[in-house]
Amino acid sequence: MTGMLFISRILGVARDALLTALLGATPAADALRAALKIPATIRDLLSEGAISAAFIPAHQDQKIR
């Protein structure tokens, strides 16, 4: 598991370096980073359990009624 996390971090650094080399500090680079940030944030919320911890008990209450 630690190895996969390490590989993920290395690939993230490589992605950022490539984007910076290709686009630099341009509005297009800012738009691309924002577009990549939205799904990453949703993934983080779902995988870390923040949404499911709140949703599942509420859903179960509605299902029981």
PDB file of N, CA and C in Angstrom:
ATOM      1  N   MET A   1       0.824  -1.188   0.000  1.00  0.00           N
ATOM      2  CA  MET A   1       0.000   0.000   0.000  1.00  0.00           C
ATOM      3  C   MET A   1       0.871   1.255   0.000  1.00  0.00           C
ATOM      4  N   THR A   2       1.926   1.244   0.802  1.00  0.00           N
ATOM      5  CA  THR A   2       2.818   2.397   0.861  1.00  0.00           C
ATOM      6  C   THR A   2       3.501   2.614  -0.481  1.00  0.00           C
ATOM      7  N   GLY A   3       3.846   1.532  -1.142  1.00  0.00           N
ATOM      8  CA  GLY A   3       4.481   1.647  -2.449  1.00  0.00           C
ATOM      9  C   GLY A   3       3.571   2.298  -3.478  1.00  0.00           C
ATOM     10  N   MET A   4       2.296   1.939  -3.443  1.00  0.00           N
ATOM     11  CA  MET A   4       1.343   2.541  -4.380  1.00  0.00           C
ATOM     12  C   MET A   4       1.158   4.029  -4.089  1.00  0.00           C
ATOM     13  N   LEU A   5       1.148   4.400  -2.817  1.00  0.00           N
ATOM     14  CA  LEU A   5       1.039   5.809  -2.448  1.00  0.00           C
ATOM     15  C   LEU A   5       2.252   6.575  -2.953  1.00  0.00           C
ATOM     16  N   PHE A   6       3.420   5.998  -2.798  1.00  0.00           N
ATOM     17  CA  PHE A   6       4.649   6.627  -3.277  1.00  0.00           C
ATOM     18  C   PHE A   6       4.610   6.812  -4.787  1.00  0.00           C
ATOM     19  N   ILE A   7       4.197   5.790  -5.511  1.00  0.00           N
ATOM     20  CA  ILE A   7       4.099   5.877  -6.969  1.00  0.00           C
ATOM     21  C   ILE A   7       3.084   6.935  -7.373  1.00  0.00           C
ATOM     22  N   SER A   8       1.975   7.003  -6.669  1.00  0.00           N
ATOM     23  CA  SER A   8       0.957   8.010  -6.955  1.00  0.00           C
ATOM     24  C   SER A   8       1.513   9.415  -6.779  1.00  0.00           C
ATOM     25  N   ARG A   9       2.270   9.629  -5.718  1.00  0.00           N
ATOM     26  CA  ARG A   9       2.863  10.952  -5.470  1.00  0.00           C
ATOM     27  C   ARG A   9       3.879  11.307  -6.552  1.00  0.00           C
ATOM     28  N   ILE A  10       4.686  10.346  -6.953  1.00  0.00           N
ATOM     29  CA  ILE A  10       5.679  10.590  -8.006  1.00  0.00           C
ATOM     30  C   ILE A  10       4.984  10.935  -9.319  1.00  0.00           C
ATOM     31  N   LEU A  11       3.928  10.205  -9.655  1.00  0.00           N
ATOM     32  CA  LEU A  11       3.187  10.498 -10.882  1.00  0.00           C
ATOM     33  C   LEU A  11       2.525  11.870 -10.816  1.00  0.00           C
ATOM     34  N   GLY A  12       2.063  12.269  -9.647  1.00  0.00           N
ATOM     35  CA  GLY A  12       1.479  13.598  -9.487  1.00  0.00           C
ATOM     36  C   GLY A  12       2.501  14.695  -9.714  1.00  0.00           C
ATOM     37  N   VAL A  13       3.698  14.507  -9.197  1.00  0.00           N
ATOM     38  CA  VAL A  13       4.770  15.483  -9.415  1.00  0.00           C
ATOM     39  C   VAL A  13       5.137  15.528 -10.893  1.00  0.00           C
ATOM     40  N   ALA A  14       5.213  14.367 -11.536  1.00  0.00           N
ATOM     41  CA  ALA A  14       5.529  14.323 -12.965  1.00  0.00           C
ATOM     42  C   ALA A  14       4.446  15.018 -13.784  1.00  0.00           C
ATOM     43  N   ARG A  15       3.174  14.810 -13.424  1.00  0.00           N
ATOM     44  CA  ARG A  15       2.068  15.475 -14.115  1.00  0.00           C
ATOM     45  C   ARG A  15       2.180  16.986 -13.989  1.00  0.00           C
ATOM     46  N   ASP A  16       2.441  17.458 -12.782  1.00  0.00           N
ATOM     47  CA  ASP A  16       2.557  18.899 -12.571  1.00  0.00           C
ATOM     48  C   ASP A  16       3.752  19.483 -13.317  1.00  0.00           C
ATOM     49  N   ALA A  17       4.862  18.761 -13.328  1.00  0.00           N
ATOM     50  CA  ALA A  17       6.043  19.236 -14.049  1.00  0.00           C
ATOM     51  C   ALA A  17       5.779  19.304 -15.548  1.00  0.00           C
ATOM     52  N   LEU A  18       5.091  18.313 -16.078  1.00  0.00           N
ATOM     53  CA  LEU A  18       4.773  18.299 -17.505  1.00  0.00           C
ATOM     54  C   LEU A  18       3.823  19.431 -17.871  1.00  0.00           C
ATOM     55  N   LEU A  19       2.800  19.648 -17.058  1.00  0.00           N
ATOM     56  CA  LEU A  19       1.865  20.743 -17.326  1.00  0.00           C
ATOM     57  C   LEU A  19       2.563  22.091 -17.276  1.00  0.00           C
ATOM     58  N   THR A  20       3.462  22.255 -16.318  1.00  0.00           N
ATOM     59  CA  THR A  20       4.193  23.509 -16.210  1.00  0.00           C
ATOM     60  C   THR A  20       5.114  23.698 -17.408  1.00  0.00           C
ATOM     61  N   ALA A  21       5.758  22.637 -17.845  1.00  0.00           N
ATOM     62  CA  ALA A  21       6.655  22.738 -18.995  1.00  0.00           C
ATOM     63  C   ALA A  21       5.891  23.057 -20.275  1.00  0.00           C
ATOM     64  N   LEU A  22       4.707  22.473 -20.424  1.00  0.00           N
ATOM     65  CA  LEU A  22       3.942  22.677 -21.653  1.00  0.00           C
ATOM     66  C   LEU A  22       3.163  23.989 -21.665  1.00  0.00           C
ATOM     67  N   LEU A  23       2.544  24.343 -20.547  1.00  0.00           N
ATOM     68  CA  LEU A  23       1.638  25.487 -20.529  1.00  0.00           C
ATOM     69  C   LEU A  23       2.189  26.706 -19.802  1.00  0.00           C
ATOM     70  N   GLY A  24       3.102  26.498 -18.877  1.00  0.00           N
ATOM     71  CA  GLY A  24       3.637  27.619 -18.108  1.00  0.00           C
ATOM     72  C   GLY A  24       2.564  28.240 -17.225  1.00  0.00           C
ATOM     73  N   ALA A  25       2.714  29.536 -16.969  1.00  0.00           N
ATOM     74  CA  ALA A  25       1.755  30.265 -16.131  1.00  0.00           C
ATOM     75  C   ALA A  25       0.802  31.035 -17.040  1.00  0.00           C
ATOM     76  N   THR A  26      -0.137  30.317 -17.623  1.00  0.00           N
ATOM     77  CA  THR A  26      -1.093  30.923 -18.549  1.00  0.00           C
ATOM     78  C   THR A  26      -2.509  30.692 -18.044  1.00  0.00           C
ATOM     79  N   PRO A  27      -3.463  31.436 -18.576  1.00  0.00           N
ATOM     80  CA  PRO A  27      -4.857  31.177 -18.206  1.00  0.00           C
ATOM     81  C   PRO A  27      -5.304  29.750 -18.561  1.00  0.00           C
ATOM     82  N   ALA A  28      -4.768  29.203 -19.638  1.00  0.00           N
ATOM     83  CA  ALA A  28      -5.112  27.824 -20.011  1.00  0.00           C
ATOM     84  C   ALA A  28      -4.629  26.836 -18.951  1.00  0.00           C
ATOM     85  N   ALA A  29      -3.456  27.082 -18.404  1.00  0.00           N
ATOM     86  CA  ALA A  29      -2.936  26.212 -17.346  1.00  0.00           C
ATOM     87  C   ALA A  29      -3.806  26.313 -16.100  1.00  0.00           C
ATOM     88  N   ASP A  30      -4.236  27.530 -15.769  1.00  0.00           N
ATOM     89  CA  ASP A  30      -5.116  27.711 -14.610  1.00  0.00           C
ATOM     90  C   ASP A  30      -6.441  26.986 -14.805  1.00  0.00           C
ATOM     91  N   ALA A  31      -6.996  27.070 -16.007  1.00  0.00           N
ATOM     92  CA  ALA A  31      -8.266  26.403 -16.295  1.00  0.00           C
ATOM     93  C   ALA A  31      -8.110  24.884 -16.210  1.00  0.00           C
ATOM     94  N   LEU A  32      -7.008  24.376 -16.720  1.00  0.00           N
ATOM     95  CA  LEU A  32      -6.769  22.934 -16.667  1.00  0.00           C
ATOM     96  C   LEU A  32      -6.608  22.457 -15.228  1.00  0.00           C
ATOM     97  N   ARG A  33      -5.877  23.205 -14.429  1.00  0.00           N
ATOM     98  CA  ARG A  33      -5.700  22.821 -13.025  1.00  0.00           C
ATOM     99  C   ARG A  33      -7.036  22.842 -12.279  1.00  0.00           C
ATOM    100  N   ALA A  34      -7.865  23.839 -12.556  1.00  0.00           N
ATOM    101  CA  ALA A  34      -9.186  23.901 -11.920  1.00  0.00           C
ATOM    102  C   ALA A  34     -10.044  22.717 -12.357  1.00  0.00           C
ATOM    103  N   ALA A  35      -9.971  22.370 -13.643  1.00  0.00           N
ATOM    104  CA  ALA A  35     -10.751  21.241 -14.155  1.00  0.00           C
ATOM    105  C   ALA A  35     -10.280  19.920 -13.543  1.00  0.00           C
ATOM    106  N   LEU A  36      -9.002  19.792 -13.262  1.00  0.00           N
ATOM    107  CA  LEU A  36      -8.485  18.576 -12.635  1.00  0.00           C
ATOM    108  C   LEU A  36      -8.799  18.536 -11.142  1.00  0.00           C
ATOM    109  N   LYS A  37      -8.943  19.703 -10.529  1.00  0.00           N
ATOM    110  CA  LYS A  37      -9.179  19.782  -9.085  1.00  0.00           C
ATOM    111  C   LYS A  37     -10.591  19.344  -8.705  1.00  0.00           C
ATOM    112  N   ILE A  38     -11.580  19.613  -9.554  1.00  0.00           N
ATOM    113  CA  ILE A  38     -12.975  19.298  -9.229  1.00  0.00           C
ATOM    114  C   ILE A  38     -13.195  17.795  -9.040  1.00  0.00           C
ATOM    115  N   PRO A  39     -12.829  16.944 -10.005  1.00  0.00           N
ATOM    116  CA  PRO A  39     -13.043  15.507  -9.773  1.00  0.00           C
ATOM    117  C   PRO A  39     -12.176  14.957  -8.639  1.00  0.00           C
ATOM    118  N   ALA A  40     -10.991  15.535  -8.447  1.00  0.00           N
ATOM    119  CA  ALA A  40     -10.134  15.073  -7.355  1.00  0.00           C
ATOM    120  C   ALA A  40     -10.774  15.369  -6.002  1.00  0.00           C
ATOM    121  N   THR A  41     -11.401  16.520  -5.886  1.00  0.00           N
ATOM    122  CA  THR A  41     -12.074  16.881  -4.637  1.00  0.00           C
ATOM    123  C   THR A  41     -13.258  15.960  -4.375  1.00  0.00           C
ATOM    124  N   ILE A  42     -14.028  15.674  -5.409  1.00  0.00           N
ATOM    125  CA  ILE A  42     -15.169  14.763  -5.257  1.00  0.00           C
ATOM    126  C   ILE A  42     -14.681  13.369  -4.862  1.00  0.00           C
ATOM    127  N   ARG A  43     -13.618  12.909  -5.502  1.00  0.00           N
ATOM    128  CA  ARG A  43     -13.047  11.602  -5.162  1.00  0.00           C
ATOM    129  C   ARG A  43     -12.584  11.571  -3.711  1.00  0.00           C
ATOM    130  N   ASP A  44     -11.933  12.639  -3.265  1.00  0.00           N
ATOM    131  CA  ASP A  44     -11.468  12.693  -1.883  1.00  0.00           C
ATOM    132  C   ASP A  44     -12.630  12.647  -0.897  1.00  0.00           C
ATOM    133  N   LEU A  45     -13.686  13.377  -1.199  1.00  0.00           N
ATOM    134  CA  LEU A  45     -14.842  13.376  -0.300  1.00  0.00           C
ATOM    135  C   LEU A  45     -15.482  11.998  -0.210  1.00  0.00           C
ATOM    136  N   LEU A  46     -15.585  11.324  -1.345  1.00  0.00           N
ATOM    137  CA  LEU A  46     -16.215  10.005  -1.359  1.00  0.00           C
ATOM    138  C   LEU A  46     -15.316   8.933  -0.756  1.00  0.00           C
ATOM    139  N   SER A  47     -14.040   8.978  -1.064  1.00  0.00           N
ATOM    140  CA  SER A  47     -13.149   7.921  -0.591  1.00  0.00           C
ATOM    141  C   SER A  47     -12.805   8.063   0.881  1.00  0.00           C
ATOM    142  N   GLU A  48     -12.784   9.273   1.391  1.00  0.00           N
ATOM    143  CA  GLU A  48     -12.456   9.460   2.802  1.00  0.00           C
ATOM    144  C   GLU A  48     -13.670   9.273   3.695  1.00  0.00           C
ATOM    145  N   GLY A  49     -14.831   9.103   3.104  1.00  0.00           N
ATOM    146  CA  GLY A  49     -16.002   8.765   3.875  1.00  0.00           C
ATOM    147  C   GLY A  49     -16.772   9.938   4.441  1.00  0.00           C
ATOM    148  N   ALA A  50     -16.413  11.155   4.080  1.00  0.00           N
ATOM    149  CA  ALA A  50     -17.117  12.311   4.635  1.00  0.00           C
ATOM    150  C   ALA A  50     -18.579  12.323   4.205  1.00  0.00           C
ATOM    151  N   ILE A  51     -18.821  12.057   2.943  1.00  0.00           N
ATOM    152  CA  ILE A  51     -20.202  12.063   2.454  1.00  0.00           C
ATOM    153  C   ILE A  51     -20.925  10.792   2.892  1.00  0.00           C
ATOM    154  N   SER A  52     -20.271   9.662   2.756  1.00  0.00           N
ATOM    155  CA  SER A  52     -20.948   8.409   3.101  1.00  0.00           C
ATOM    156  C   SER A  52     -21.241   8.321   4.594  1.00  0.00           C
ATOM    157  N   ALA A  53     -20.389   8.902   5.427  1.00  0.00           N
ATOM    158  CA  ALA A  53     -20.643   8.878   6.872  1.00  0.00           C
ATOM    159  C   ALA A  53     -21.896   9.663   7.226  1.00  0.00           C
ATOM    160  N   ALA A  54     -22.199  10.693   6.462  1.00  0.00           N
ATOM    161  CA  ALA A  54     -23.401  11.485   6.718  1.00  0.00           C
ATOM    162  C   ALA A  54     -24.605  10.939   5.955  1.00  0.00           C
ATOM    163  N   PHE A  55     -24.383  10.430   4.754  1.00  0.00           N
ATOM    164  CA  PHE A  55     -25.485  10.018   3.894  1.00  0.00           C
ATOM    165  C   PHE A  55     -26.101   8.688   4.316  1.00  0.00           C
ATOM    166  N   ILE A  56     -25.289   7.717   4.634  1.00  0.00           N
ATOM    167  CA  ILE A  56     -25.800   6.370   4.906  1.00  0.00           C
ATOM    168  C   ILE A  56     -26.751   6.341   6.101  1.00  0.00           C
ATOM    169  N   PRO A  57     -26.414   6.948   7.252  1.00  0.00           N
ATOM    170  CA  PRO A  57     -27.397   6.936   8.351  1.00  0.00           C
ATOM    171  C   PRO A  57     -28.696   7.655   7.988  1.00  0.00           C
ATOM    172  N   ALA A  58     -28.600   8.766   7.274  1.00  0.00           N
ATOM    173  CA  ALA A  58     -29.813   9.485   6.880  1.00  0.00           C
ATOM    174  C   ALA A  58     -30.638   8.650   5.908  1.00  0.00           C
ATOM    175  N   HIS A  59     -29.973   7.967   4.997  1.00  0.00           N
ATOM    176  CA  HIS A  59     -30.664   7.115   4.033  1.00  0.00           C
ATOM    177  C   HIS A  59     -31.338   5.941   4.746  1.00  0.00           C
ATOM    178  N   GLN A  60     -30.663   5.347   5.709  1.00  0.00           N
ATOM    179  CA  GLN A  60     -31.242   4.228   6.455  1.00  0.00           C
ATOM    180  C   GLN A  60     -32.474   4.672   7.239  1.00  0.00           C
ATOM    181  N   ASP A  61     -32.417   5.883   7.817  1.00  0.00           N
ATOM    182  CA  ASP A  61     -33.586   6.399   8.538  1.00  0.00           C
ATOM    183  C   ASP A  61     -34.780   6.550   7.605  1.00  0.00           C
ATOM    184  N   GLN A  62     -34.541   7.070   6.409  1.00  0.00           N
ATOM    185  CA  GLN A  62     -35.621   7.241   5.439  1.00  0.00           C
ATOM    186  C   GLN A  62     -36.145   5.891   4.965  1.00  0.00           C
ATOM    187  N   LYS A  63     -35.250   4.934   4.813  1.00  0.00           N
ATOM    188  CA  LYS A  63     -35.639   3.605   4.339  1.00  0.00           C
ATOM    189  C   LYS A  63     -36.514   2.893   5.375  1.00  0.00           C
ATOM    190  N   ILE A  64     -36.210   3.085   6.649  1.00  0.00           N
ATOM    191  CA  ILE A  64     -36.986   2.450   7.717  1.00  0.00           C
ATOM    192  C   ILE A  64     -38.392   3.027   7.773  1.00  0.00           C
ATOM    193  N   ARG A  65     -38.531   4.317   7.563  1.00  0.00           N
ATOM    194  CA  ARG A  65     -39.851   4.959   7.617  1.00  0.00           C
ATOM    195  C   ARG A  65     -40.646   4.531   6.432  1.00  0.00           C
TER     196      ARG A  65
END
